[in-house]
Structures are given as structure tokens and as C-alpha cells.
Amino acid sequence: MSEVILASASQRRMDLLRSLGVSFQVVPSAAEELHDESFSPNALCELNAERKAADVAMSYPNRVVLGADTLVTLDGKLFGKPRDLAEAKEMLAQLGGKTHQVITGVCLCDAARKSLFSEVTQVRFRPLTPQVIETYLTAVSVLDKAGAYGIQERGELLVEGFSGSYSNVVGLPLERLAREFDAWGITYSRRNL
């Protein structure tokens, strides 16, 4: 039996967990993501991660469930997944030439316990011309990505640099998650940390 249930259909999160050598099963959550800007970005990511994990945990009370939620924030404005390419273009134009924060909230839970945390990575974008944005949107499918980009997919077109966890920007803060796995007794491989 797999050690963890991932409450997400995100290919990026699956790849990150695989890179840690974690035995897991995918059961996507049906929980609705909240977009309430009265919460701080960290609190909102943690709340959404908790909602996703709790939704799946109801059907698997004897298993450890991992829920996660990622948001991009700039000057207090939240950037979730774009509704369409026009909104994606707008998001990238706003992020161009600035440093934004990528926040991933993570919830691990089972019937007896729960761990909830979030990590923040600072990401600095190059100044972006309309041509660069167009090139990026042609090359990468962005409608399932917070902030309309994936650092791991042609990120060199957009990203000048970052400070913090790279994997956090992709979708899971592996370094912090590994510490949580240690505390929960979940087996993983340290070689990709």
C-alpha cells in the first residue's frame, strides 16, 4: 500500500513526489478553492491545502493525505490560475520586471493528526516585452499554473533569479516537506534534495 495519498491531479506535484522516491497514490480532491482576499496569501494557501486534504481524507481515514495549493502574489494582489490566455498575458505583463512571491500551502493529515505549513519563494522576472510573453504562451500551456507560468517550463524566458525553494515554485517545497516526512515517519529518498 502506498504511504501517501496526493489530493491533487497536478503532474508537477506527482513528479516532485516521485523525485523524492515517495510511494503515493493520486486521489484528486473535489474541494472548491477559495479566492478570498481578506485572508493573507499564506493563510489562504494553507486553508485551500487543508480543504483539499480533508476532502480526500474523509474517504481514506487510515491513510496520510497530502493537500497543496500554490499562489503567486505581487504587492498584495493574488494571482491564481488564469481563466484564459488574455488573462495569462495580463498576469505576465504585470509580473514582468518585478519580484513576486510564490507561496505553497501544504497540509498533511490522517485521522489522528494534521500538519499545516506554507513556504514562500521570491522570484524576480526579467522585463517582459509583448513578444517574449507571446513566445512563452505559445511554448507553454499555462491555464493550470498560478501566475500563468511554470519556472520548470521555459522559465529562462521569464525568470531572472529566485531566492528560496525552487521546488516550491514548481508546486511543493521539497526541503520542508522532507522534514515533515521525517516527523511523520514517511519513507523518502534524500538524494534529490
N, C-alpha and C. Protein backbone atom coordinates (compact mmCIF):
# COMPACT_ATOMS: atom_id res chain seq x y z
N MET A 1 0.85 -1.19 0.00
CA MET A 1 0.00 0.00 0.00
C MET A 1 0.89 1.25 0.00
N SER A 2 0.51 2.25 -0.80
CA SER A 2 1.31 3.48 -0.85
C SER A 2 1.22 4.22 0.48
N GLU A 3 2.30 4.94 0.79
CA GLU A 3 2.36 5.61 2.08
C GLU A 3 1.52 6.87 2.14
N VAL A 4 1.38 7.54 1.00
CA VAL A 4 0.74 8.86 0.97
C VAL A 4 -0.33 8.88 -0.12
N ILE A 5 -1.40 9.63 0.13
CA ILE A 5 -2.36 9.93 -0.93
C ILE A 5 -2.18 11.40 -1.29
N LEU A 6 -1.92 11.66 -2.56
CA LEU A 6 -1.80 13.03 -3.05
C LEU A 6 -3.17 13.49 -3.50
N ALA A 7 -3.70 14.53 -2.84
CA ALA A 7 -5.05 15.02 -3.14
C ALA A 7 -5.00 16.04 -4.28
N SER A 8 -4.32 15.66 -5.36
CA SER A 8 -4.12 16.58 -6.48
C SER A 8 -3.84 15.80 -7.75
N ALA A 9 -4.32 16.33 -8.87
CA ALA A 9 -4.03 15.71 -10.17
C ALA A 9 -2.88 16.42 -10.86
N SER A 10 -2.17 17.30 -10.14
CA SER A 10 -1.08 18.08 -10.72
C SER A 10 0.10 17.18 -11.12
N GLN A 11 0.42 17.17 -12.40
CA GLN A 11 1.55 16.39 -12.89
C GLN A 11 2.85 16.86 -12.23
N ARG A 12 2.97 18.16 -12.00
CA ARG A 12 4.19 18.70 -11.39
C ARG A 12 4.35 18.17 -9.96
N ARG A 13 3.25 18.13 -9.20
CA ARG A 13 3.35 17.62 -7.83
C ARG A 13 3.67 16.12 -7.83
N MET A 14 3.08 15.39 -8.78
CA MET A 14 3.39 13.96 -8.88
C MET A 14 4.88 13.77 -9.18
N ASP A 15 5.41 14.54 -10.12
CA ASP A 15 6.83 14.44 -10.48
C ASP A 15 7.73 14.76 -9.29
N LEU A 16 7.35 15.80 -8.52
CA LEU A 16 8.16 16.17 -7.35
C LEU A 16 8.15 15.07 -6.30
N LEU A 17 6.98 14.49 -6.04
CA LEU A 17 6.93 13.39 -5.06
C LEU A 17 7.73 12.18 -5.55
N ARG A 18 7.62 11.89 -6.86
CA ARG A 18 8.41 10.78 -7.44
C ARG A 18 9.90 11.04 -7.25
N SER A 19 10.32 12.30 -7.41
CA SER A 19 11.74 12.63 -7.28
C SER A 19 12.24 12.37 -5.86
N LEU A 20 11.32 12.37 -4.89
CA LEU A 20 11.67 12.04 -3.50
C LEU A 20 11.58 10.55 -3.24
N GLY A 21 11.13 9.80 -4.23
CA GLY A 21 11.01 8.35 -4.05
C GLY A 21 9.89 7.96 -3.10
N VAL A 22 8.89 8.84 -2.95
CA VAL A 22 7.77 8.56 -2.05
C VAL A 22 6.77 7.65 -2.75
N SER A 23 6.29 6.65 -2.03
CA SER A 23 5.24 5.77 -2.54
C SER A 23 3.90 6.50 -2.32
N PHE A 24 3.18 6.80 -3.43
CA PHE A 24 1.94 7.55 -3.28
C PHE A 24 0.90 7.11 -4.29
N GLN A 25 -0.34 7.45 -3.95
CA GLN A 25 -1.49 7.20 -4.81
C GLN A 25 -2.15 8.56 -5.05
N VAL A 26 -2.71 8.77 -6.24
CA VAL A 26 -3.35 10.04 -6.57
C VAL A 26 -4.87 9.91 -6.44
N VAL A 27 -5.44 10.76 -5.60
CA VAL A 27 -6.90 10.87 -5.47
C VAL A 27 -7.22 12.36 -5.48
N PRO A 28 -7.52 12.93 -6.66
CA PRO A 28 -7.77 14.37 -6.73
C PRO A 28 -8.93 14.80 -5.83
N SER A 29 -8.75 15.93 -5.19
CA SER A 29 -9.78 16.49 -4.31
C SER A 29 -10.85 17.19 -5.13
N ALA A 30 -12.07 17.11 -4.64
CA ALA A 30 -13.18 17.84 -5.27
C ALA A 30 -13.46 19.15 -4.54
N ALA A 31 -12.64 19.47 -3.53
CA ALA A 31 -12.87 20.70 -2.76
C ALA A 31 -12.68 21.93 -3.64
N GLU A 32 -13.57 22.86 -3.49
CA GLU A 32 -13.53 24.13 -4.22
C GLU A 32 -12.41 24.99 -3.62
N GLU A 33 -11.57 25.60 -4.46
CA GLU A 33 -10.54 26.51 -3.95
C GLU A 33 -11.18 27.85 -3.61
N LEU A 34 -10.86 28.38 -2.44
CA LEU A 34 -11.36 29.70 -2.06
C LEU A 34 -10.44 30.77 -2.64
N HIS A 35 -11.01 31.91 -3.00
CA HIS A 35 -10.21 33.03 -3.53
C HIS A 35 -10.57 34.30 -2.75
N ASP A 36 -10.52 34.18 -1.44
CA ASP A 36 -10.95 35.26 -0.55
C ASP A 36 -9.74 36.12 -0.17
N GLU A 37 -9.69 37.33 -0.70
CA GLU A 37 -8.52 38.19 -0.47
C GLU A 37 -8.52 38.83 0.92
N SER A 38 -9.53 38.50 1.75
CA SER A 38 -9.48 39.01 3.12
C SER A 38 -8.48 38.19 3.96
N PHE A 39 -8.09 37.01 3.46
CA PHE A 39 -7.05 36.20 4.10
C PHE A 39 -5.69 36.67 3.61
N SER A 40 -4.66 36.47 4.43
CA SER A 40 -3.30 36.69 3.94
C SER A 40 -3.01 35.60 2.91
N PRO A 41 -2.09 35.84 1.95
CA PRO A 41 -1.79 34.81 0.95
C PRO A 41 -1.37 33.48 1.59
N ASN A 42 -0.55 33.53 2.64
CA ASN A 42 -0.12 32.29 3.30
C ASN A 42 -1.31 31.56 3.90
N ALA A 43 -2.16 32.30 4.61
CA ALA A 43 -3.33 31.68 5.26
C ALA A 43 -4.26 31.09 4.20
N LEU A 44 -4.44 31.78 3.08
CA LEU A 44 -5.33 31.30 2.03
C LEU A 44 -4.79 30.00 1.41
N CYS A 45 -3.47 29.96 1.14
CA CYS A 45 -2.87 28.73 0.60
C CYS A 45 -3.01 27.57 1.58
N GLU A 46 -2.76 27.85 2.86
CA GLU A 46 -2.88 26.79 3.87
C GLU A 46 -4.33 26.31 3.98
N LEU A 47 -5.27 27.26 3.96
CA LEU A 47 -6.69 26.89 4.05
C LEU A 47 -7.10 26.02 2.86
N ASN A 48 -6.70 26.40 1.65
CA ASN A 48 -7.05 25.60 0.47
C ASN A 48 -6.38 24.22 0.51
N ALA A 49 -5.13 24.17 0.95
CA ALA A 49 -4.44 22.88 1.07
C ALA A 49 -5.17 21.99 2.08
N GLU A 50 -5.60 22.59 3.20
CA GLU A 50 -6.31 21.84 4.23
C GLU A 50 -7.66 21.35 3.71
N ARG A 51 -8.37 22.20 2.96
CA ARG A 51 -9.68 21.80 2.41
C ARG A 51 -9.52 20.62 1.44
N LYS A 52 -8.49 20.67 0.61
CA LYS A 52 -8.24 19.59 -0.35
C LYS A 52 -7.91 18.28 0.37
N ALA A 53 -7.01 18.37 1.35
CA ALA A 53 -6.61 17.17 2.10
C ALA A 53 -7.78 16.59 2.88
N ALA A 54 -8.55 17.46 3.54
CA ALA A 54 -9.68 16.99 4.36
C ALA A 54 -10.75 16.33 3.49
N ASP A 55 -10.96 16.87 2.31
CA ASP A 55 -11.96 16.30 1.39
C ASP A 55 -11.62 14.84 1.06
N VAL A 56 -10.35 14.58 0.75
CA VAL A 56 -9.92 13.22 0.39
C VAL A 56 -9.81 12.34 1.64
N ALA A 57 -9.36 12.92 2.75
CA ALA A 57 -9.18 12.15 3.98
C ALA A 57 -10.49 11.55 4.50
N MET A 58 -11.63 12.17 4.18
CA MET A 58 -12.91 11.62 4.62
C MET A 58 -13.12 10.21 4.07
N SER A 59 -12.61 9.95 2.86
CA SER A 59 -12.77 8.63 2.25
C SER A 59 -11.63 7.67 2.60
N TYR A 60 -10.54 8.20 3.15
CA TYR A 60 -9.36 7.38 3.48
C TYR A 60 -8.88 7.72 4.89
N PRO A 61 -9.68 7.42 5.91
CA PRO A 61 -9.33 7.85 7.27
C PRO A 61 -8.06 7.22 7.83
N ASN A 62 -7.62 6.08 7.28
CA ASN A 62 -6.44 5.41 7.82
C ASN A 62 -5.18 5.67 7.01
N ARG A 63 -5.22 6.66 6.16
CA ARG A 63 -4.06 6.96 5.31
C ARG A 63 -3.61 8.41 5.53
N VAL A 64 -2.35 8.69 5.17
CA VAL A 64 -1.84 10.06 5.23
C VAL A 64 -2.17 10.73 3.90
N VAL A 65 -2.84 11.87 3.98
CA VAL A 65 -3.24 12.60 2.78
C VAL A 65 -2.44 13.90 2.70
N LEU A 66 -1.96 14.21 1.50
CA LEU A 66 -1.19 15.44 1.24
C LEU A 66 -2.00 16.34 0.32
N GLY A 67 -2.34 17.52 0.82
CA GLY A 67 -3.01 18.54 0.00
C GLY A 67 -2.08 19.73 -0.16
N ALA A 68 -2.16 20.41 -1.30
CA ALA A 68 -1.29 21.57 -1.52
C ALA A 68 -2.01 22.61 -2.38
N ASP A 69 -1.60 23.86 -2.21
CA ASP A 69 -2.16 24.95 -3.02
C ASP A 69 -1.08 25.99 -3.21
N THR A 70 -0.93 26.47 -4.46
CA THR A 70 0.10 27.44 -4.78
C THR A 70 -0.52 28.71 -5.33
N LEU A 71 -0.05 29.85 -4.85
CA LEU A 71 -0.47 31.16 -5.36
C LEU A 71 0.75 32.02 -5.61
N VAL A 72 0.58 32.96 -6.53
CA VAL A 72 1.58 33.98 -6.79
C VAL A 72 1.00 35.29 -6.26
N THR A 73 1.84 36.08 -5.59
CA THR A 73 1.36 37.36 -5.08
C THR A 73 2.38 38.46 -5.39
N LEU A 74 1.86 39.63 -5.75
CA LEU A 74 2.69 40.80 -6.05
C LEU A 74 1.99 42.01 -5.48
N ASP A 75 2.67 42.72 -4.59
CA ASP A 75 2.12 43.94 -3.99
C ASP A 75 0.72 43.73 -3.43
N GLY A 76 0.51 42.59 -2.77
CA GLY A 76 -0.78 42.32 -2.13
C GLY A 76 -1.83 41.75 -3.07
N LYS A 77 -1.55 41.69 -4.37
CA LYS A 77 -2.52 41.14 -5.32
C LYS A 77 -2.23 39.65 -5.53
N LEU A 78 -3.30 38.84 -5.54
CA LEU A 78 -3.15 37.40 -5.71
C LEU A 78 -3.32 37.01 -7.17
N PHE A 79 -2.46 36.14 -7.64
CA PHE A 79 -2.54 35.60 -9.00
C PHE A 79 -2.73 34.09 -8.90
N GLY A 80 -3.93 33.64 -9.20
CA GLY A 80 -4.19 32.20 -9.25
C GLY A 80 -3.97 31.71 -10.67
N LYS A 81 -4.74 30.71 -11.07
CA LYS A 81 -4.66 30.19 -12.44
C LYS A 81 -5.45 31.12 -13.36
N PRO A 82 -4.89 31.48 -14.50
CA PRO A 82 -5.63 32.36 -15.41
C PRO A 82 -6.85 31.66 -16.02
N ARG A 83 -7.91 32.45 -16.23
CA ARG A 83 -9.14 31.89 -16.83
C ARG A 83 -8.95 31.60 -18.31
N ASP A 84 -8.12 32.42 -18.97
CA ASP A 84 -7.90 32.28 -20.41
C ASP A 84 -6.56 32.91 -20.78
N LEU A 85 -6.19 32.83 -22.06
CA LEU A 85 -4.89 33.35 -22.48
C LEU A 85 -4.80 34.87 -22.36
N ALA A 86 -5.91 35.56 -22.52
CA ALA A 86 -5.90 37.02 -22.36
C ALA A 86 -5.52 37.39 -20.93
N GLU A 87 -6.10 36.68 -19.96
CA GLU A 87 -5.76 36.94 -18.56
C GLU A 87 -4.32 36.51 -18.27
N ALA A 88 -3.86 35.43 -18.89
CA ALA A 88 -2.48 34.98 -18.71
C ALA A 88 -1.51 36.06 -19.19
N LYS A 89 -1.80 36.64 -20.34
CA LYS A 89 -0.97 37.71 -20.91
C LYS A 89 -0.89 38.89 -19.94
N GLU A 90 -2.05 39.26 -19.41
CA GLU A 90 -2.15 40.36 -18.45
C GLU A 90 -1.32 40.08 -17.19
N MET A 91 -1.43 38.85 -16.69
CA MET A 91 -0.67 38.48 -15.49
C MET A 91 0.83 38.60 -15.73
N LEU A 92 1.30 38.03 -16.83
CA LEU A 92 2.74 38.07 -17.12
C LEU A 92 3.22 39.50 -17.31
N ALA A 93 2.41 40.33 -17.95
CA ALA A 93 2.78 41.74 -18.14
C ALA A 93 2.93 42.44 -16.79
N GLN A 94 2.05 42.13 -15.85
CA GLN A 94 2.13 42.74 -14.51
C GLN A 94 3.34 42.25 -13.73
N LEU A 95 3.72 40.98 -13.93
CA LEU A 95 4.84 40.41 -13.18
C LEU A 95 6.20 40.81 -13.78
N GLY A 96 6.20 41.17 -15.06
CA GLY A 96 7.45 41.50 -15.76
C GLY A 96 8.26 42.59 -15.06
N GLY A 97 9.56 42.34 -14.91
CA GLY A 97 10.47 43.34 -14.34
C GLY A 97 10.37 43.50 -12.84
N LYS A 98 9.57 42.66 -12.19
CA LYS A 98 9.37 42.81 -10.74
C LYS A 98 9.69 41.52 -10.00
N THR A 99 9.79 41.63 -8.67
CA THR A 99 9.96 40.45 -7.82
C THR A 99 8.63 40.13 -7.17
N HIS A 100 8.17 38.90 -7.36
CA HIS A 100 6.91 38.46 -6.73
C HIS A 100 7.19 37.30 -5.80
N GLN A 101 6.18 36.90 -5.07
CA GLN A 101 6.30 35.79 -4.13
C GLN A 101 5.45 34.63 -4.64
N VAL A 102 6.02 33.43 -4.54
CA VAL A 102 5.26 32.22 -4.81
C VAL A 102 5.09 31.51 -3.47
N ILE A 103 3.83 31.27 -3.11
CA ILE A 103 3.52 30.65 -1.82
C ILE A 103 2.84 29.32 -2.08
N THR A 104 3.34 28.27 -1.44
CA THR A 104 2.67 26.98 -1.48
C THR A 104 2.28 26.60 -0.06
N GLY A 105 0.99 26.36 0.12
CA GLY A 105 0.48 25.85 1.39
C GLY A 105 0.40 24.34 1.29
N VAL A 106 0.76 23.66 2.36
CA VAL A 106 0.76 22.19 2.37
C VAL A 106 0.05 21.70 3.64
N CYS A 107 -0.78 20.68 3.46
CA CYS A 107 -1.43 20.03 4.60
C CYS A 107 -1.19 18.53 4.52
N LEU A 108 -0.66 17.96 5.59
CA LEU A 108 -0.56 16.50 5.75
C LEU A 108 -1.55 16.15 6.86
N CYS A 109 -2.40 15.16 6.61
CA CYS A 109 -3.32 14.79 7.68
C CYS A 109 -3.67 13.30 7.60
N ASP A 110 -4.03 12.77 8.75
CA ASP A 110 -4.65 11.45 8.83
C ASP A 110 -5.72 11.57 9.92
N ALA A 111 -6.26 10.46 10.36
CA ALA A 111 -7.37 10.52 11.32
C ALA A 111 -6.96 11.14 12.65
N ALA A 112 -5.67 11.05 13.00
CA ALA A 112 -5.24 11.47 14.33
C ALA A 112 -4.49 12.80 14.37
N ARG A 113 -3.91 13.21 13.28
CA ARG A 113 -3.07 14.41 13.36
C ARG A 113 -3.08 15.19 12.05
N LYS A 114 -2.55 16.40 12.15
CA LYS A 114 -2.52 17.28 10.99
C LYS A 114 -1.30 18.20 11.09
N SER A 115 -0.66 18.43 9.96
CA SER A 115 0.45 19.37 9.89
C SER A 115 0.14 20.34 8.76
N LEU A 116 0.22 21.63 9.05
CA LEU A 116 -0.15 22.66 8.08
C LEU A 116 0.95 23.70 8.05
N PHE A 117 1.47 24.00 6.87
CA PHE A 117 2.53 25.00 6.75
C PHE A 117 2.53 25.60 5.35
N SER A 118 3.27 26.68 5.20
CA SER A 118 3.45 27.27 3.86
C SER A 118 4.88 27.76 3.72
N GLU A 119 5.34 27.78 2.49
CA GLU A 119 6.68 28.26 2.17
C GLU A 119 6.56 29.39 1.15
N VAL A 120 7.49 30.34 1.22
CA VAL A 120 7.49 31.47 0.29
C VAL A 120 8.83 31.52 -0.45
N THR A 121 8.77 31.66 -1.77
CA THR A 121 9.97 31.85 -2.59
C THR A 121 9.83 33.18 -3.32
N GLN A 122 10.90 33.96 -3.31
CA GLN A 122 10.92 35.24 -4.04
C GLN A 122 11.40 34.95 -5.47
N VAL A 123 10.65 35.39 -6.47
CA VAL A 123 11.01 35.16 -7.87
C VAL A 123 11.09 36.51 -8.58
N ARG A 124 12.24 36.76 -9.22
CA ARG A 124 12.47 38.02 -9.93
C ARG A 124 12.34 37.78 -11.44
N PHE A 125 11.40 38.48 -12.07
CA PHE A 125 11.19 38.36 -13.51
C PHE A 125 12.03 39.38 -14.27
N ARG A 126 12.45 39.00 -15.46
CA ARG A 126 13.07 39.94 -16.39
C ARG A 126 12.00 40.93 -16.84
N PRO A 127 12.41 42.09 -17.38
CA PRO A 127 11.41 42.93 -18.05
C PRO A 127 10.89 42.13 -19.25
N LEU A 128 9.57 42.09 -19.44
CA LEU A 128 8.99 41.25 -20.48
C LEU A 128 8.35 42.09 -21.58
N THR A 129 8.78 41.86 -22.80
CA THR A 129 8.15 42.54 -23.95
C THR A 129 6.92 41.73 -24.36
N PRO A 130 5.99 42.34 -25.08
CA PRO A 130 4.84 41.59 -25.58
C PRO A 130 5.27 40.38 -26.43
N GLN A 131 6.40 40.50 -27.14
CA GLN A 131 6.89 39.39 -27.97
C GLN A 131 7.35 38.22 -27.11
N VAL A 132 8.05 38.51 -26.01
CA VAL A 132 8.52 37.45 -25.11
C VAL A 132 7.31 36.75 -24.48
N ILE A 133 6.32 37.54 -24.05
CA ILE A 133 5.11 36.96 -23.45
C ILE A 133 4.42 36.05 -24.46
N GLU A 134 4.31 36.52 -25.70
CA GLU A 134 3.67 35.74 -26.77
C GLU A 134 4.44 34.43 -27.02
N THR A 135 5.76 34.53 -27.08
CA THR A 135 6.61 33.35 -27.28
C THR A 135 6.39 32.35 -26.16
N TYR A 136 6.35 32.85 -24.91
CA TYR A 136 6.17 31.97 -23.76
C TYR A 136 4.81 31.29 -23.81
N LEU A 137 3.76 32.05 -24.08
CA LEU A 137 2.41 31.49 -24.08
C LEU A 137 2.20 30.51 -25.24
N THR A 138 2.97 30.66 -26.31
CA THR A 138 2.90 29.72 -27.42
C THR A 138 3.61 28.42 -27.05
N ALA A 139 4.68 28.53 -26.25
CA ALA A 139 5.52 27.37 -25.92
C ALA A 139 4.98 26.55 -24.75
N VAL A 140 4.25 27.19 -23.83
CA VAL A 140 3.88 26.54 -22.57
C VAL A 140 2.37 26.65 -22.34
N SER A 141 1.78 25.56 -21.91
CA SER A 141 0.36 25.56 -21.52
C SER A 141 0.27 26.11 -20.10
N VAL A 142 -0.38 27.28 -19.93
CA VAL A 142 -0.31 27.98 -18.65
C VAL A 142 -1.63 28.04 -17.87
N LEU A 143 -2.70 27.56 -18.44
CA LEU A 143 -4.00 27.76 -17.79
C LEU A 143 -4.16 26.98 -16.48
N ASP A 144 -3.26 26.03 -16.22
CA ASP A 144 -3.31 25.29 -14.95
C ASP A 144 -2.22 25.73 -13.98
N LYS A 145 -1.63 26.92 -14.24
CA LYS A 145 -0.50 27.36 -13.43
C LYS A 145 -0.78 28.71 -12.77
N ALA A 146 -0.57 28.78 -11.46
CA ALA A 146 -0.70 30.05 -10.74
C ALA A 146 0.26 31.07 -11.32
N GLY A 147 -0.23 32.27 -11.57
CA GLY A 147 0.62 33.32 -12.13
C GLY A 147 0.89 33.15 -13.61
N ALA A 148 0.28 32.16 -14.23
CA ALA A 148 0.39 31.92 -15.69
C ALA A 148 1.79 31.53 -16.15
N TYR A 149 2.56 30.87 -15.25
CA TYR A 149 3.87 30.37 -15.70
C TYR A 149 4.31 29.19 -14.86
N GLY A 150 5.22 28.43 -15.43
CA GLY A 150 5.88 27.34 -14.72
C GLY A 150 7.38 27.56 -14.84
N ILE A 151 8.06 27.72 -13.71
CA ILE A 151 9.50 28.01 -13.75
C ILE A 151 10.28 26.90 -14.44
N GLN A 152 9.73 25.66 -14.36
CA GLN A 152 10.42 24.50 -14.92
C GLN A 152 10.17 24.34 -16.42
N GLU A 153 9.27 25.13 -16.99
CA GLU A 153 8.97 25.05 -18.41
C GLU A 153 9.33 26.37 -19.08
N ARG A 154 10.47 26.40 -19.73
CA ARG A 154 10.96 27.59 -20.43
C ARG A 154 11.05 28.81 -19.51
N GLY A 155 11.28 28.54 -18.23
CA GLY A 155 11.36 29.61 -17.25
C GLY A 155 12.44 30.63 -17.55
N GLU A 156 13.47 30.18 -18.30
CA GLU A 156 14.57 31.10 -18.63
C GLU A 156 14.09 32.31 -19.44
N LEU A 157 12.97 32.18 -20.12
CA LEU A 157 12.40 33.32 -20.88
C LEU A 157 11.91 34.42 -19.95
N LEU A 158 11.50 34.04 -18.75
CA LEU A 158 10.85 34.98 -17.83
C LEU A 158 11.67 35.32 -16.60
N VAL A 159 12.34 34.30 -16.04
CA VAL A 159 12.92 34.42 -14.69
C VAL A 159 14.36 34.88 -14.74
N GLU A 160 14.63 35.94 -13.96
CA GLU A 160 15.99 36.47 -13.84
C GLU A 160 16.70 35.79 -12.67
N GLY A 161 15.94 35.47 -11.62
CA GLY A 161 16.54 34.81 -10.46
C GLY A 161 15.48 34.52 -9.42
N PHE A 162 15.87 33.77 -8.38
CA PHE A 162 14.92 33.48 -7.29
C PHE A 162 15.69 33.28 -6.00
N SER A 163 14.97 33.44 -4.90
CA SER A 163 15.55 33.24 -3.58
C SER A 163 14.60 32.37 -2.78
N GLY A 164 15.10 31.21 -2.34
CA GLY A 164 14.26 30.26 -1.62
C GLY A 164 14.20 28.94 -2.35
N SER A 165 13.15 28.20 -2.11
CA SER A 165 13.00 26.85 -2.66
C SER A 165 12.52 26.87 -4.10
N TYR A 166 13.31 26.27 -5.00
CA TYR A 166 12.92 26.15 -6.41
C TYR A 166 11.69 25.25 -6.54
N SER A 167 11.70 24.11 -5.83
CA SER A 167 10.59 23.15 -5.96
C SER A 167 9.28 23.76 -5.44
N ASN A 168 9.38 24.72 -4.53
CA ASN A 168 8.19 25.42 -4.03
C ASN A 168 7.49 26.14 -5.18
N VAL A 169 8.27 26.72 -6.09
CA VAL A 169 7.71 27.44 -7.23
C VAL A 169 7.05 26.44 -8.19
N VAL A 170 7.61 25.24 -8.27
CA VAL A 170 7.05 24.20 -9.14
C VAL A 170 5.74 23.66 -8.56
N GLY A 171 5.65 23.60 -7.21
CA GLY A 171 4.38 23.14 -6.63
C GLY A 171 4.44 22.46 -5.27
N LEU A 172 5.64 22.10 -4.79
CA LEU A 172 5.79 21.53 -3.45
C LEU A 172 7.17 21.90 -2.90
N PRO A 173 7.23 22.45 -1.69
CA PRO A 173 8.54 22.77 -1.10
C PRO A 173 9.19 21.50 -0.55
N LEU A 174 9.99 20.83 -1.37
CA LEU A 174 10.50 19.50 -1.01
C LEU A 174 11.37 19.50 0.25
N GLU A 175 12.17 20.53 0.42
CA GLU A 175 13.07 20.55 1.59
C GLU A 175 12.24 20.55 2.88
N ARG A 176 11.24 21.41 2.95
CA ARG A 176 10.37 21.48 4.14
C ARG A 176 9.52 20.21 4.24
N LEU A 177 9.03 19.72 3.11
CA LEU A 177 8.21 18.52 3.11
C LEU A 177 9.00 17.32 3.64
N ALA A 178 10.28 17.25 3.30
CA ALA A 178 11.13 16.15 3.78
C ALA A 178 11.20 16.17 5.31
N ARG A 179 11.32 17.36 5.90
CA ARG A 179 11.36 17.46 7.38
C ARG A 179 10.04 16.96 7.98
N GLU A 180 8.93 17.32 7.31
CA GLU A 180 7.62 16.84 7.78
C GLU A 180 7.52 15.32 7.64
N PHE A 181 8.01 14.79 6.51
CA PHE A 181 8.00 13.33 6.32
C PHE A 181 8.80 12.63 7.42
N ASP A 182 9.94 13.24 7.80
CA ASP A 182 10.73 12.68 8.91
C ASP A 182 9.87 12.60 10.18
N ALA A 183 9.18 13.69 10.48
CA ALA A 183 8.36 13.75 11.69
C ALA A 183 7.20 12.75 11.63
N TRP A 184 6.70 12.48 10.44
CA TRP A 184 5.56 11.57 10.28
C TRP A 184 5.99 10.12 10.06
N GLY A 185 7.30 9.90 9.91
CA GLY A 185 7.79 8.54 9.67
C GLY A 185 7.51 8.04 8.26
N ILE A 186 7.43 8.97 7.31
CA ILE A 186 7.17 8.60 5.90
C ILE A 186 8.51 8.42 5.19
N THR A 187 8.65 7.30 4.49
CA THR A 187 9.91 6.96 3.82
C THR A 187 10.07 7.75 2.53
N TYR A 188 11.27 8.29 2.34
CA TYR A 188 11.60 9.00 1.09
C TYR A 188 13.10 8.91 0.87
N SER A 189 13.53 9.34 -0.31
CA SER A 189 14.96 9.32 -0.64
C SER A 189 15.51 10.74 -0.53
N ARG A 190 16.65 10.87 0.13
CA ARG A 190 17.27 12.19 0.30
C ARG A 190 18.10 12.62 -0.91
N ARG A 191 18.29 11.73 -1.87
CA ARG A 191 19.27 12.03 -2.93
C ARG A 191 18.89 13.21 -3.82
N ASN A 192 17.59 13.53 -3.94
CA ASN A 192 17.19 14.65 -4.80
C ASN A 192 16.88 15.92 -4.05
N LEU A 193 17.29 16.00 -2.79
CA LEU A 193 17.06 17.22 -2.02
C LEU A 193 18.20 18.19 -2.20
